[in-house]
């Protein structure tokens, strides 16, 4: 959750690619992911962002857009309600 919150604030994320993190952070677009335990890689990504304000700003904008597109609670709830309605009415949505 903290990764989505950071991105919603316009902050690119640097993290290890473990668990659900790759579902939230798009490597090279909204932040950087390093293989688990590769601390040098993680440090390199942090350094890259610290040294490149334009890249940091660009990734921050993309991060915010990604969260708004994929993690908006109102949109997700509306889609889930629509799916439930289809199930209740016996619609499959398949061709």
N, C-alpha and C. Protein backbone atom coordinates (compact mmCIF):
# COMPACT_ATOMS: atom_id res chain seq x y z
N UNK A 1 0.82 -1.20 0.00
CA UNK A 1 0.00 0.00 0.00
C UNK A 1 0.87 1.27 0.00
N UNK A 2 1.98 1.21 0.70
CA UNK A 2 2.83 2.40 0.80
C UNK A 2 3.38 2.81 -0.56
N UNK A 3 3.60 1.85 -1.45
CA UNK A 3 4.12 2.19 -2.78
C UNK A 3 3.07 2.94 -3.59
N UNK A 4 1.83 2.51 -3.52
CA UNK A 4 0.75 3.21 -4.22
C UNK A 4 0.55 4.60 -3.63
N UNK A 5 0.65 4.72 -2.32
CA UNK A 5 0.50 6.03 -1.69
C UNK A 5 1.62 6.98 -2.10
N UNK A 6 2.84 6.47 -2.18
CA UNK A 6 3.96 7.31 -2.62
C UNK A 6 3.72 7.79 -4.04
N UNK A 7 3.32 6.87 -4.91
CA UNK A 7 3.09 7.22 -6.30
C UNK A 7 1.92 8.19 -6.43
N UNK A 8 0.90 8.03 -5.61
CA UNK A 8 -0.24 8.95 -5.64
C UNK A 8 0.21 10.37 -5.28
N UNK A 9 1.29 10.47 -4.53
CA UNK A 9 1.86 11.77 -4.16
C UNK A 9 2.83 12.28 -5.22
N UNK A 10 3.00 11.53 -6.30
CA UNK A 10 3.89 11.95 -7.37
C UNK A 10 5.34 11.63 -7.12
N UNK A 11 5.58 10.60 -6.32
CA UNK A 11 6.95 10.21 -5.98
C UNK A 11 7.27 8.88 -6.66
N UNK A 12 8.33 8.84 -7.47
CA UNK A 12 8.73 7.55 -8.05
C UNK A 12 9.27 6.64 -6.94
N UNK A 13 9.05 5.36 -7.08
CA UNK A 13 9.41 4.39 -6.05
C UNK A 13 10.66 3.62 -6.46
N UNK A 14 11.52 3.38 -5.50
CA UNK A 14 12.67 2.49 -5.68
C UNK A 14 12.49 1.39 -4.65
N UNK A 15 12.42 0.14 -5.11
CA UNK A 15 12.13 -0.96 -4.19
C UNK A 15 12.67 -2.27 -4.76
N UNK A 16 12.63 -3.29 -3.92
CA UNK A 16 12.94 -4.63 -4.38
C UNK A 16 11.71 -5.22 -5.05
N UNK A 17 11.90 -5.99 -6.09
CA UNK A 17 10.80 -6.61 -6.84
C UNK A 17 10.37 -7.89 -6.13
N UNK A 18 9.65 -7.73 -5.03
CA UNK A 18 9.16 -8.86 -4.25
C UNK A 18 7.66 -8.70 -4.00
N UNK A 19 7.01 -9.81 -3.72
CA UNK A 19 5.58 -9.75 -3.40
C UNK A 19 4.78 -9.07 -4.49
N UNK A 20 3.90 -8.19 -4.06
CA UNK A 20 3.03 -7.48 -4.99
C UNK A 20 3.60 -6.17 -5.50
N UNK A 21 4.83 -5.86 -5.13
CA UNK A 21 5.42 -4.58 -5.54
C UNK A 21 5.43 -4.40 -7.05
N UNK A 22 5.81 -5.40 -7.86
CA UNK A 22 5.80 -5.20 -9.31
C UNK A 22 4.41 -4.94 -9.90
N UNK A 23 3.36 -5.25 -9.16
CA UNK A 23 2.02 -4.94 -9.64
C UNK A 23 1.72 -3.45 -9.50
N UNK A 24 2.41 -2.79 -8.60
CA UNK A 24 2.18 -1.37 -8.35
C UNK A 24 3.20 -0.50 -9.07
N UNK A 25 4.45 -0.91 -9.05
CA UNK A 25 5.54 -0.12 -9.63
C UNK A 25 5.92 -0.68 -10.99
N UNK A 26 5.84 0.17 -11.99
CA UNK A 26 6.23 -0.24 -13.34
C UNK A 26 7.69 0.17 -13.56
N UNK A 27 8.57 -0.82 -13.57
CA UNK A 27 10.01 -0.57 -13.64
C UNK A 27 10.38 0.30 -14.84
N UNK A 28 11.14 1.34 -14.55
CA UNK A 28 11.60 2.23 -15.61
C UNK A 28 10.58 3.28 -16.02
N UNK A 29 9.36 3.17 -15.52
CA UNK A 29 8.31 4.13 -15.86
C UNK A 29 7.84 4.92 -14.64
N UNK A 30 7.50 4.22 -13.57
CA UNK A 30 6.99 4.87 -12.36
C UNK A 30 7.96 4.71 -11.19
N UNK A 31 9.08 4.10 -11.47
CA UNK A 31 10.09 3.88 -10.44
C UNK A 31 11.07 2.82 -10.92
N UNK A 32 11.85 2.32 -10.00
CA UNK A 32 12.82 1.29 -10.34
C UNK A 32 12.69 0.11 -9.37
N UNK A 33 12.82 -1.08 -9.92
CA UNK A 33 12.78 -2.30 -9.12
C UNK A 33 14.11 -3.01 -9.24
N UNK A 34 14.58 -3.53 -8.14
CA UNK A 34 15.81 -4.31 -8.11
C UNK A 34 15.48 -5.71 -7.62
N UNK A 35 16.26 -6.66 -8.06
CA UNK A 35 16.08 -8.03 -7.58
C UNK A 35 16.32 -8.06 -6.07
N UNK A 36 15.59 -8.94 -5.42
CA UNK A 36 15.69 -9.06 -3.97
C UNK A 36 17.14 -9.26 -3.53
N UNK A 37 17.53 -8.52 -2.53
CA UNK A 37 18.84 -8.57 -1.89
C UNK A 37 19.96 -7.91 -2.69
N UNK A 38 19.68 -7.36 -3.87
CA UNK A 38 20.71 -6.67 -4.65
C UNK A 38 20.75 -5.20 -4.23
N UNK A 39 21.38 -4.98 -3.10
CA UNK A 39 21.42 -3.65 -2.49
C UNK A 39 22.15 -2.64 -3.37
N UNK A 40 23.20 -3.07 -4.04
CA UNK A 40 23.95 -2.16 -4.92
C UNK A 40 23.05 -1.63 -6.05
N UNK A 41 22.21 -2.48 -6.58
CA UNK A 41 21.28 -2.07 -7.63
C UNK A 41 20.27 -1.06 -7.08
N UNK A 42 19.74 -1.36 -5.91
CA UNK A 42 18.78 -0.46 -5.26
C UNK A 42 19.43 0.90 -5.03
N UNK A 43 20.65 0.90 -4.50
CA UNK A 43 21.37 2.15 -4.24
C UNK A 43 21.63 2.91 -5.54
N UNK A 44 21.96 2.19 -6.60
CA UNK A 44 22.18 2.83 -7.89
C UNK A 44 20.94 3.52 -8.42
N UNK A 45 19.80 2.89 -8.23
CA UNK A 45 18.54 3.50 -8.67
C UNK A 45 18.22 4.75 -7.86
N UNK A 46 18.46 4.68 -6.56
CA UNK A 46 18.23 5.86 -5.72
C UNK A 46 19.15 6.99 -6.17
N UNK A 47 20.40 6.69 -6.39
CA UNK A 47 21.37 7.69 -6.83
C UNK A 47 20.95 8.30 -8.17
N UNK A 48 20.51 7.47 -9.09
CA UNK A 48 20.07 7.94 -10.40
C UNK A 48 18.95 8.98 -10.27
N UNK A 49 17.97 8.68 -9.44
CA UNK A 49 16.86 9.62 -9.25
C UNK A 49 17.29 10.90 -8.53
N UNK A 50 18.17 10.75 -7.56
CA UNK A 50 18.65 11.93 -6.84
C UNK A 50 19.45 12.86 -7.75
N UNK A 51 20.16 12.29 -8.69
CA UNK A 51 21.01 13.08 -9.58
C UNK A 51 20.29 13.60 -10.82
N UNK A 52 19.07 13.16 -11.05
CA UNK A 52 18.33 13.54 -12.26
C UNK A 52 16.94 14.07 -11.93
N UNK A 53 16.83 15.35 -11.57
CA UNK A 53 15.54 15.92 -11.20
C UNK A 53 14.49 15.80 -12.31
N UNK A 54 14.90 15.92 -13.56
CA UNK A 54 13.93 15.83 -14.67
C UNK A 54 13.36 14.41 -14.76
N UNK A 55 14.21 13.41 -14.63
CA UNK A 55 13.75 12.02 -14.64
C UNK A 55 12.84 11.76 -13.45
N UNK A 56 13.23 12.26 -12.29
CA UNK A 56 12.43 12.10 -11.08
C UNK A 56 11.04 12.71 -11.27
N UNK A 57 10.98 13.90 -11.85
CA UNK A 57 9.70 14.57 -12.07
C UNK A 57 8.84 13.82 -13.08
N UNK A 58 9.47 13.36 -14.17
CA UNK A 58 8.74 12.62 -15.21
C UNK A 58 8.17 11.32 -14.64
N UNK A 59 8.99 10.58 -13.92
CA UNK A 59 8.53 9.32 -13.33
C UNK A 59 7.45 9.58 -12.27
N UNK A 60 7.60 10.68 -11.54
CA UNK A 60 6.59 11.03 -10.54
C UNK A 60 5.23 11.29 -11.16
N UNK A 61 5.22 11.98 -12.30
CA UNK A 61 3.96 12.22 -13.01
C UNK A 61 3.34 10.91 -13.51
N UNK A 62 4.18 10.06 -14.09
CA UNK A 62 3.69 8.77 -14.57
C UNK A 62 3.19 7.91 -13.42
N UNK A 63 3.86 8.00 -12.29
CA UNK A 63 3.44 7.23 -11.10
C UNK A 63 2.06 7.67 -10.65
N UNK A 64 1.85 8.96 -10.57
CA UNK A 64 0.55 9.49 -10.16
C UNK A 64 -0.55 9.05 -11.14
N UNK A 65 -0.28 9.16 -12.43
CA UNK A 65 -1.24 8.75 -13.45
C UNK A 65 -1.58 7.26 -13.33
N UNK A 66 -0.57 6.44 -13.06
CA UNK A 66 -0.79 5.00 -12.93
C UNK A 66 -1.70 4.68 -11.75
N UNK A 67 -1.46 5.33 -10.64
CA UNK A 67 -2.30 5.10 -9.46
C UNK A 67 -3.73 5.53 -9.74
N UNK A 68 -3.89 6.68 -10.37
CA UNK A 68 -5.24 7.16 -10.69
C UNK A 68 -5.95 6.21 -11.64
N UNK A 69 -5.21 5.62 -12.56
CA UNK A 69 -5.81 4.74 -13.56
C UNK A 69 -6.14 3.35 -13.00
N UNK A 70 -5.25 2.79 -12.19
CA UNK A 70 -5.41 1.41 -11.77
C UNK A 70 -5.83 1.19 -10.32
N UNK A 71 -5.69 2.20 -9.46
CA UNK A 71 -5.92 1.97 -8.05
C UNK A 71 -6.93 2.92 -7.43
N UNK A 72 -7.76 3.53 -8.24
CA UNK A 72 -8.80 4.41 -7.73
C UNK A 72 -9.92 3.56 -7.12
N UNK A 73 -10.20 3.75 -5.84
CA UNK A 73 -11.17 2.92 -5.12
C UNK A 73 -12.58 3.05 -5.70
N UNK A 74 -12.95 4.23 -6.12
CA UNK A 74 -14.29 4.42 -6.68
C UNK A 74 -14.45 3.67 -8.00
N UNK A 75 -13.43 3.74 -8.84
CA UNK A 75 -13.48 3.02 -10.12
C UNK A 75 -13.49 1.52 -9.89
N UNK A 76 -12.64 1.04 -8.99
CA UNK A 76 -12.58 -0.41 -8.72
C UNK A 76 -13.90 -0.90 -8.13
N UNK A 77 -14.50 -0.12 -7.22
CA UNK A 77 -15.77 -0.51 -6.62
C UNK A 77 -16.88 -0.55 -7.66
N UNK A 78 -16.90 0.43 -8.56
CA UNK A 78 -17.91 0.45 -9.62
C UNK A 78 -17.77 -0.76 -10.54
N UNK A 79 -16.53 -1.11 -10.88
CA UNK A 79 -16.31 -2.30 -11.73
C UNK A 79 -16.74 -3.57 -11.02
N UNK A 80 -16.47 -3.66 -9.73
CA UNK A 80 -16.88 -4.83 -8.95
C UNK A 80 -18.39 -4.92 -8.85
N UNK A 81 -19.05 -3.80 -8.63
CA UNK A 81 -20.51 -3.78 -8.58
C UNK A 81 -21.10 -4.22 -9.92
N UNK A 82 -20.52 -3.76 -11.01
CA UNK A 82 -20.98 -4.16 -12.33
C UNK A 82 -20.83 -5.67 -12.53
N UNK A 83 -19.70 -6.21 -12.10
CA UNK A 83 -19.47 -7.65 -12.20
C UNK A 83 -20.50 -8.42 -11.37
N UNK A 84 -20.76 -7.96 -10.15
CA UNK A 84 -21.76 -8.62 -9.31
C UNK A 84 -23.14 -8.58 -9.97
N UNK A 85 -23.49 -7.42 -10.55
CA UNK A 85 -24.77 -7.30 -11.25
C UNK A 85 -24.88 -8.31 -12.38
N UNK A 86 -23.80 -8.49 -13.13
CA UNK A 86 -23.80 -9.46 -14.22
C UNK A 86 -24.01 -10.88 -13.69
N UNK A 87 -23.35 -11.21 -12.61
CA UNK A 87 -23.47 -12.54 -12.03
C UNK A 87 -24.90 -12.78 -11.54
N UNK A 88 -25.46 -11.80 -10.88
CA UNK A 88 -26.82 -11.92 -10.34
C UNK A 88 -27.83 -12.10 -11.48
N UNK A 89 -27.61 -11.41 -12.59
CA UNK A 89 -28.54 -11.52 -13.72
C UNK A 89 -28.23 -12.73 -14.60
N UNK A 90 -27.14 -13.43 -14.30
CA UNK A 90 -26.78 -14.61 -15.07
C UNK A 90 -26.06 -14.31 -16.37
N UNK A 91 -25.53 -13.10 -16.49
CA UNK A 91 -24.76 -12.74 -17.68
C UNK A 91 -23.32 -13.15 -17.49
N UNK A 92 -22.74 -13.69 -18.52
CA UNK A 92 -21.33 -14.11 -18.38
C UNK A 92 -20.37 -13.10 -18.97
N UNK A 93 -20.84 -12.28 -19.89
CA UNK A 93 -19.96 -11.34 -20.55
C UNK A 93 -19.16 -11.98 -21.67
N UNK A 94 -19.21 -13.30 -21.77
CA UNK A 94 -18.48 -14.02 -22.81
C UNK A 94 -19.33 -14.10 -24.06
N UNK A 95 -18.64 -14.04 -25.17
CA UNK A 95 -19.17 -14.00 -26.46
C UNK A 95 -20.22 -14.76 -27.00
